[in-house]
Amino acid sequence: MPAPVQQPVLIIGGSGIVGAQAAQALRRLQPDLPITIGGRDLAKAEAVARAVGGADAAAIDLARPDLGQPDPGQPDRAFSAVVAFVKDAGLNSLRFAQARGVPHVSTSSGVFEIGPEVAQALHRPTAPVLLASHWLAGAALLPALHFAKTFRTVETIAIGALLDEEDMGGPAAYADYDRIVQATSRVQILQDGQWVWIPGDPTPGRYRSVDGTAMAAQPYSPMDVVSLAAATAARSVRLDLVLGQSASRRRGEPFSTEITIDLAGTLPDGSAGRTRHEIVHPAGQAPLTALGIAMAVERMLGLAGGAPPAPGLHLPELLIDPAAMVRRMAEFGARIRQA
C-alpha cells in the first residue's frame, strides 16, 4: 500500500468550473488525500473547498514567484503537488513546484507553446513535470492508444472532438481556446510520415457526429497529435475540432461532448483493418477533463499505477494505463461504443 500523502495537492484554478470538478474527482478517487483549492478569489475557493470536503483554500497570485504563499518551511503551506488549471505565462507555478521538489501538472499549453516549460524542466530537474495539455486531459489520447492495441501496426489516426457551443466552460477555458486557436493560422499534423503545417480553416463535412450528421471541423493541435505519433509510429495523425451543436442537443436534450477515434492499419492476421469508436459524455467536457487530471495527480503521487515518477519531463501515456483510463471514463459516466 502506498504511504498516505500528508501534504495537500494545490489545485490552482480549483475554484473554476473544471478545476472544481477535478477536485471532486480526485476526492472520489482518493478519499483521504488533502487538497488545497487555489484561486484569485479566496471566498470562492473556500466555498469549493467546503463542497469537496477534506480541503482548504488559498489565495493564489501567479505574478509572484511564491504564488503569494508563506515560506514552505511552514507546515500549513507545504504541498505534495501543484496542478495548474490556468495558463501560467510566467511559469511561476512550475518554479514553485521545482523549488519544493514536488510534482507539477500543466494543463493549458498548446503544442506550439510548450518550449518554455520544456526548457525550465530540463534546466532544473528537481521535480517530475507532467505535460498534460491533451484534449480533455487524455480523454482522446488514452482511449486511442487502448483501441490501437487491436492492430499489429497503426497507419492513420483521425480524432474528432466536438465541443458544444453551450459547453465552453469558464473564463479560463475561453482564454485557452482563443489563445490556441488564434495564435497561428496554420496547424501542425503528421501527414504521410512528415510533420507539416496546414491551414487552420474549417472544412465542411470533415466531422461525422455520433448521430451521422456531417459538420464543419477545423484542424487543431493539442498535445495528442505528437503523443500519438510517438507512441504508435503511425504515418498520419490529426485531430479535428468542432465547436457546434452536439447530437444530444439536436434531439432536444442538454449538451454533451463527443470524441470520435478512427484508426486504420494492419490487423494481427496481416489484413488491413479500420475501427471507429465513439465516446460521449452526457454532462459535457468538464467531467472527462476532471477525471484525466485526477488520475494524473494520483499517478504522480504514486497512489495508483506504480511508484511516483522520477524528476524530469513526463507525458500521460507514459504513466497512465490506457485501459485503466477507459474503465474509469465509463465509471464516470462516459458512453463508449464501437461504431
Protein backbone atom coordinates (compact mmCIF):
# COMPACT_ATOMS: atom_id res chain seq x y z
CA MET A 1 0.00 0.00 0.00
CA PRO A 2 1.31 3.49 -0.84
CA ALA A 3 2.10 5.66 2.15
CA PRO A 4 -0.58 8.28 2.90
CA VAL A 5 0.13 11.73 1.47
CA GLN A 6 0.37 14.19 4.34
CA GLN A 7 0.52 17.49 2.45
CA PRO A 8 -2.27 18.79 0.22
CA VAL A 9 -2.33 18.92 -3.56
CA LEU A 10 -2.56 22.55 -4.64
CA ILE A 11 -5.07 22.96 -7.48
CA ILE A 12 -4.53 26.40 -9.00
CA GLY A 13 -7.77 27.40 -10.65
CA GLY A 14 -9.59 24.89 -8.48
CA SER A 15 -12.48 27.28 -7.95
CA GLY A 16 -13.27 27.34 -11.68
CA ILE A 17 -15.81 25.09 -13.37
CA VAL A 18 -13.41 22.34 -14.46
CA GLY A 19 -10.96 22.80 -11.59
CA ALA A 20 -13.73 22.30 -9.04
CA GLN A 21 -14.85 19.12 -10.80
CA ALA A 22 -11.24 17.92 -10.84
CA ALA A 23 -11.07 18.39 -7.09
CA GLN A 24 -14.30 16.40 -6.72
CA ALA A 25 -12.98 13.65 -9.00
CA LEU A 26 -9.74 13.49 -7.04
CA ARG A 27 -11.70 13.23 -3.81
CA ARG A 28 -13.71 10.34 -5.30
CA LEU A 29 -10.53 8.51 -6.34
CA GLN A 30 -8.58 9.36 -3.17
CA PRO A 31 -10.97 9.96 -0.26
CA ASP A 32 -8.21 10.77 2.25
CA LEU A 33 -5.97 12.97 0.09
CA PRO A 34 -5.60 16.54 1.42
CA ILE A 35 -6.47 19.18 -1.21
CA THR A 36 -5.97 22.94 -1.34
CA ILE A 37 -8.22 24.90 -3.69
CA GLY A 38 -6.22 27.81 -5.05
CA GLY A 39 -7.74 30.83 -6.74
CA ARG A 40 -7.70 34.61 -7.02
CA ASP A 41 -10.98 34.87 -5.12
CA LEU A 42 -10.41 33.34 -1.68
CA ALA A 43 -14.09 33.28 -0.73
CA LYS A 44 -14.97 31.37 -3.91
CA ALA A 45 -12.09 28.94 -3.30
CA GLU A 46 -13.25 28.38 0.28
CA ALA A 47 -16.76 27.56 -0.93
CA VAL A 48 -15.40 24.92 -3.31
CA ALA A 49 -13.17 23.53 -0.54
CA ARG A 50 -16.19 23.08 1.73
CA ALA A 51 -18.06 21.28 -1.03
CA VAL A 52 -15.12 18.95 -1.73
CA GLY A 53 -14.52 18.10 1.92
CA GLY A 54 -11.13 17.47 3.49
CA ALA A 55 -9.86 20.56 1.70
CA ASP A 56 -8.78 24.09 2.45
CA ALA A 57 -8.29 27.18 0.30
CA ALA A 58 -5.51 29.60 -0.60
CA ALA A 59 -5.40 32.90 -2.45
CA ILE A 60 -3.01 32.49 -5.40
CA ASP A 61 -1.11 35.24 -7.19
CA LEU A 62 0.58 33.80 -10.29
CA ALA A 63 2.54 37.03 -10.78
CA ARG A 64 4.59 36.26 -7.66
CA PRO A 65 7.34 33.63 -7.54
CA ASP A 66 5.99 32.40 -4.20
CA LEU A 67 2.40 32.45 -5.55
CA GLY A 68 1.56 34.59 -2.53
CA GLN A 69 2.13 31.68 -0.16
CA PRO A 70 4.15 31.63 3.10
CA ASP A 71 7.55 30.02 3.27
CA PRO A 72 7.42 26.25 2.53
CA GLY A 73 9.03 25.63 5.92
CA GLN A 74 5.66 26.37 7.48
CA PRO A 75 3.79 23.04 7.64
CA ASP A 76 0.41 24.54 6.79
CA ARG A 77 1.67 25.76 3.41
CA ALA A 78 3.71 22.81 2.20
CA PHE A 79 2.22 20.98 -0.78
CA SER A 80 2.60 17.48 -2.20
CA ALA A 81 1.91 18.52 -5.83
CA VAL A 82 0.90 21.55 -7.88
CA VAL A 83 -1.73 21.43 -10.64
CA ALA A 84 -2.16 24.48 -12.88
CA PHE A 85 -5.66 24.69 -14.38
CA VAL A 86 -4.97 28.13 -15.80
CA LYS A 87 -2.33 29.29 -18.26
CA ASP A 88 0.71 30.35 -16.23
CA ALA A 89 2.56 32.52 -18.73
CA GLY A 90 5.32 33.33 -16.25
CA LEU A 91 5.90 29.68 -15.19
CA ASN A 92 5.87 30.70 -11.53
CA SER A 93 3.77 27.67 -10.56
CA LEU A 94 6.32 25.38 -12.23
CA ARG A 95 9.26 27.06 -10.50
CA PHE A 96 7.33 26.94 -7.22
CA ALA A 97 6.96 23.17 -7.54
CA GLN A 98 10.58 22.70 -8.62
CA ALA A 99 11.86 24.68 -5.63
CA ARG A 100 9.99 22.26 -3.37
CA GLY A 101 10.76 19.11 -5.36
CA VAL A 102 7.09 18.21 -5.81
CA PRO A 103 5.23 17.16 -8.98
CA HIS A 104 3.81 19.78 -11.33
CA VAL A 105 0.96 19.14 -13.77
CA SER A 106 0.42 21.55 -16.67
CA THR A 107 -2.98 21.51 -18.42
CA SER A 108 -3.32 24.61 -20.60
CA SER A 109 -0.49 24.79 -23.16
CA GLY A 110 -0.82 24.30 -26.90
CA VAL A 111 1.73 22.01 -28.51
CA PHE A 112 3.36 25.03 -30.18
CA GLU A 113 3.96 26.83 -26.87
CA ILE A 114 5.47 24.19 -24.57
CA GLY A 115 9.05 25.31 -25.28
CA PRO A 116 9.42 27.43 -22.11
CA GLU A 117 8.06 24.62 -19.92
CA VAL A 118 10.33 22.05 -21.54
CA ALA A 119 13.42 24.21 -21.12
CA GLN A 120 12.57 25.01 -17.50
CA ALA A 121 12.03 21.33 -16.67
CA LEU A 122 15.27 20.27 -18.36
CA HIS A 123 17.36 23.01 -16.78
CA ARG A 124 16.11 22.25 -13.27
CA PRO A 125 15.34 18.53 -12.99
CA THR A 126 14.30 18.70 -9.34
CA ALA A 127 10.69 17.59 -9.74
CA PRO A 128 8.53 15.44 -12.04
CA VAL A 129 6.75 17.67 -14.57
CA LEU A 130 3.74 16.31 -16.43
CA LEU A 131 2.77 17.95 -19.72
CA ALA A 132 -0.94 17.12 -19.72
CA SER A 133 -2.36 19.68 -22.15
CA HIS A 134 -4.05 16.99 -24.23
CA TRP A 135 -7.67 17.13 -25.36
CA LEU A 136 -9.76 16.89 -22.19
CA ALA A 137 -6.64 15.79 -20.27
CA GLY A 138 -6.24 12.48 -22.11
CA ALA A 139 -9.86 11.59 -22.87
CA ALA A 140 -8.99 11.08 -26.55
CA LEU A 141 -5.31 10.16 -26.28
CA LEU A 142 -5.54 7.23 -23.88
CA PRO A 143 -8.62 5.56 -25.41
CA ALA A 144 -6.97 5.88 -28.85
CA LEU A 145 -3.93 4.02 -27.54
CA HIS A 146 -6.16 1.40 -25.94
CA PHE A 147 -8.06 0.77 -29.17
CA ALA A 148 -4.81 0.76 -31.17
CA LYS A 149 -3.75 -2.40 -29.34
CA THR A 150 -6.06 -4.40 -31.62
CA PHE A 151 -3.73 -3.60 -34.55
CA ARG A 152 -0.34 -5.05 -35.36
CA THR A 153 0.65 -1.68 -36.81
CA VAL A 154 -1.29 1.59 -36.99
CA GLU A 155 -1.08 3.69 -40.15
CA THR A 156 -3.55 6.53 -39.57
CA ILE A 157 -5.21 8.08 -36.54
CA ALA A 158 -8.01 10.59 -37.02
CA ILE A 159 -9.64 12.04 -33.93
CA GLY A 160 -12.73 14.22 -33.99
CA ALA A 161 -13.59 16.32 -30.94
CA LEU A 162 -16.91 18.11 -30.64
CA LEU A 163 -17.25 20.84 -28.04
CA ASP A 164 -20.80 22.06 -27.76
CA GLU A 165 -21.25 25.82 -28.06
CA GLU A 166 -23.01 25.80 -24.69
CA ASP A 167 -20.17 23.85 -23.05
CA MET A 168 -17.21 26.22 -23.27
CA GLY A 169 -16.72 26.37 -19.50
CA GLY A 170 -15.46 29.40 -17.57
CA PRO A 171 -13.25 32.39 -18.45
CA ALA A 172 -10.01 30.38 -18.29
CA ALA A 173 -11.33 27.84 -20.79
CA TYR A 174 -12.44 30.62 -23.15
CA ALA A 175 -9.00 32.23 -22.86
CA ASP A 176 -7.23 28.95 -23.65
CA TYR A 177 -9.44 28.32 -26.67
CA ASP A 178 -8.96 31.81 -28.07
CA ARG A 179 -5.21 31.78 -27.49
CA ILE A 180 -4.55 28.38 -29.03
CA VAL A 181 -6.91 28.75 -32.00
CA GLN A 182 -5.95 32.32 -32.84
CA ALA A 183 -2.21 32.19 -32.14
CA THR A 184 -1.42 30.83 -35.60
CA SER A 185 -3.27 30.50 -38.88
CA ARG A 186 -1.69 27.09 -39.51
CA VAL A 187 -1.80 23.82 -37.59
CA GLN A 188 0.80 21.06 -37.30
CA ILE A 189 -0.21 17.50 -38.20
CA LEU A 190 1.58 14.30 -39.19
CA GLN A 191 0.83 13.50 -42.83
CA ASP A 192 2.33 10.55 -44.72
CA GLY A 193 5.22 10.37 -42.29
CA GLN A 194 6.04 14.09 -42.44
CA TRP A 195 5.31 16.86 -39.96
CA VAL A 196 3.55 19.60 -41.93
CA TRP A 197 1.70 22.83 -41.24
CA ILE A 198 -1.73 23.11 -42.85
CA PRO A 199 -4.29 25.95 -42.87
CA GLY A 200 -6.44 26.01 -39.76
CA ASP A 201 -9.63 26.85 -41.63
CA PRO A 202 -12.78 24.76 -41.05
CA THR A 203 -13.54 22.10 -43.67
CA PRO A 204 -17.24 21.43 -44.40
CA GLY A 205 -18.30 17.86 -43.63
CA ARG A 206 -14.95 16.90 -42.09
CA TYR A 207 -16.53 15.62 -38.87
CA ARG A 208 -19.25 12.97 -38.64
CA SER A 209 -21.18 13.28 -35.40
CA VAL A 210 -22.32 10.28 -33.42
CA ASP A 211 -25.80 10.64 -34.97
CA GLY A 212 -24.32 10.67 -38.50
CA THR A 213 -24.57 14.43 -39.06
CA ALA A 214 -21.72 15.83 -41.16
CA MET A 215 -20.28 19.02 -39.66
CA ALA A 216 -17.54 21.50 -40.45
CA ALA A 217 -14.34 20.91 -38.46
CA GLN A 218 -11.01 22.67 -38.19
CA PRO A 219 -7.63 21.02 -37.60
CA TYR A 220 -6.38 21.53 -34.06
CA SER A 221 -3.04 20.79 -32.42
CA PRO A 222 -3.25 19.79 -28.79
CA MET A 223 -0.54 17.53 -27.39
CA ASP A 224 -2.47 14.45 -28.58
CA VAL A 225 -1.02 14.69 -32.08
CA VAL A 226 2.63 14.46 -31.03
CA SER A 227 1.96 11.91 -28.29
CA LEU A 228 0.04 9.56 -30.59
CA ALA A 229 2.64 9.85 -33.32
CA ALA A 230 5.45 8.94 -30.95
CA ALA A 231 3.53 6.18 -29.18
CA THR A 232 2.24 4.36 -32.27
CA ALA A 233 4.67 5.21 -35.10
CA ALA A 234 1.60 5.96 -37.24
CA ARG A 235 2.31 7.76 -40.52
CA SER A 236 -0.64 10.14 -40.31
CA VAL A 237 -2.14 11.70 -37.17
CA ARG A 238 -4.53 14.61 -36.85
CA LEU A 239 -7.23 15.95 -34.57
CA ASP A 240 -10.16 17.97 -35.88
CA LEU A 241 -12.24 20.20 -33.63
CA VAL A 242 -15.90 21.16 -33.95
CA LEU A 243 -17.43 23.99 -31.96
CA GLY A 244 -21.11 23.42 -32.60
CA GLN A 245 -24.26 21.60 -31.61
CA SER A 246 -23.88 18.15 -30.12
CA ALA A 247 -26.10 15.28 -31.20
CA SER A 248 -27.88 15.29 -27.85
CA ARG A 249 -28.86 18.94 -28.26
CA ARG A 250 -30.18 18.24 -31.76
CA ARG A 251 -32.51 15.76 -30.05
CA GLY A 252 -33.72 18.47 -27.68
CA GLU A 253 -31.63 17.23 -24.74
CA PRO A 254 -28.88 19.06 -22.79
CA PHE A 255 -25.45 19.44 -24.40
CA SER A 256 -22.92 16.60 -24.38
CA THR A 257 -19.36 16.26 -25.57
CA GLU A 258 -18.26 13.87 -28.32
CA ILE A 259 -14.96 12.23 -29.28
CA THR A 260 -14.59 10.00 -32.33
CA ILE A 261 -11.50 7.86 -32.89
CA ASP A 262 -10.88 6.40 -36.35
CA LEU A 263 -7.92 4.04 -36.72
CA ALA A 264 -6.57 2.25 -39.77
CA GLY A 265 -3.69 -0.18 -40.07
CA THR A 266 -2.69 -3.82 -40.19
CA LEU A 267 -4.52 -6.36 -38.05
CA PRO A 268 -2.73 -9.25 -36.28
CA ASP A 269 -3.62 -11.64 -39.14
CA GLY A 270 -1.90 -9.35 -41.67
CA SER A 271 -5.07 -7.96 -43.24
CA ALA A 272 -5.95 -4.29 -43.48
CA GLY A 273 -8.45 -3.06 -40.95
CA ARG A 274 -10.31 0.01 -39.73
CA THR A 275 -12.10 0.78 -36.49
CA ARG A 276 -14.23 3.65 -35.27
CA HIS A 277 -15.04 4.28 -31.64
CA GLU A 278 -17.32 6.97 -30.29
CA ILE A 279 -17.17 8.48 -26.81
CA VAL A 280 -19.97 10.65 -25.45
CA HIS A 281 -20.30 12.20 -22.03
CA PRO A 282 -23.83 13.46 -21.39
CA ALA A 283 -22.60 16.12 -18.95
CA GLY A 284 -20.13 17.69 -21.38
CA GLN A 285 -16.37 18.13 -21.36
CA ALA A 286 -15.75 19.02 -17.70
CA PRO A 287 -16.20 15.54 -16.13
CA LEU A 288 -13.74 13.94 -18.57
CA THR A 289 -11.15 16.67 -18.09
CA ALA A 290 -11.57 16.44 -14.33
CA LEU A 291 -11.09 12.68 -14.38
CA GLY A 292 -7.97 12.89 -16.54
CA ILE A 293 -6.30 15.35 -14.19
CA ALA A 294 -7.38 13.43 -11.09
CA MET A 295 -5.82 10.24 -12.48
CA ALA A 296 -2.68 12.18 -13.39
CA VAL A 297 -2.36 13.53 -9.85
CA GLU A 298 -2.77 10.17 -8.15
CA ARG A 299 -0.22 8.68 -10.56
CA MET A 300 2.30 11.49 -9.95
CA LEU A 301 1.99 10.92 -6.21
CA GLY A 302 2.41 7.14 -6.54
CA LEU A 303 -1.11 6.49 -5.24
CA ALA A 304 -2.08 4.39 -8.28
CA GLY A 305 -0.32 2.66 -11.16
CA GLY A 306 3.16 2.44 -9.67
CA ALA A 307 5.79 4.37 -7.76
CA PRO A 308 5.99 8.17 -8.14
CA PRO A 309 7.82 9.12 -11.33
CA ALA A 310 11.36 10.45 -11.13
CA PRO A 311 12.17 14.13 -11.60
CA GLY A 312 12.06 15.20 -15.23
CA LEU A 313 9.60 15.54 -18.10
CA HIS A 314 6.67 13.14 -18.42
CA LEU A 315 3.63 12.60 -20.67
CA PRO A 316 0.34 10.98 -19.61
CA GLU A 317 0.65 8.00 -21.95
CA LEU A 318 3.97 7.06 -20.37
CA LEU A 319 2.47 6.93 -16.87
CA ILE A 320 -1.22 6.04 -17.10
CA ASP A 321 -2.51 2.69 -18.35
CA PRO A 322 -4.88 3.36 -21.30
CA ALA A 323 -7.15 0.50 -20.29
CA ALA A 324 -7.46 1.95 -16.78
CA MET A 325 -8.44 5.30 -18.27
CA VAL A 326 -11.14 3.71 -20.43
CA ARG A 327 -12.55 1.85 -17.41
CA ARG A 328 -12.59 5.00 -15.30
CA MET A 329 -14.23 7.03 -18.06
CA ALA A 330 -17.11 4.53 -18.14
CA GLU A 331 -17.37 4.65 -14.35
CA PHE A 332 -17.55 8.45 -14.51
CA GLY A 333 -20.45 8.42 -16.98
CA ALA A 334 -18.89 8.25 -20.44
CA ARG A 335 -20.62 6.13 -23.06
CA ILE A 336 -18.10 4.29 -25.24
CA ARG A 337 -19.05 2.19 -28.22
CA GLN A 338 -17.55 0.77 -31.39
CA ALA A 339 -19.48 2.17 -34.36
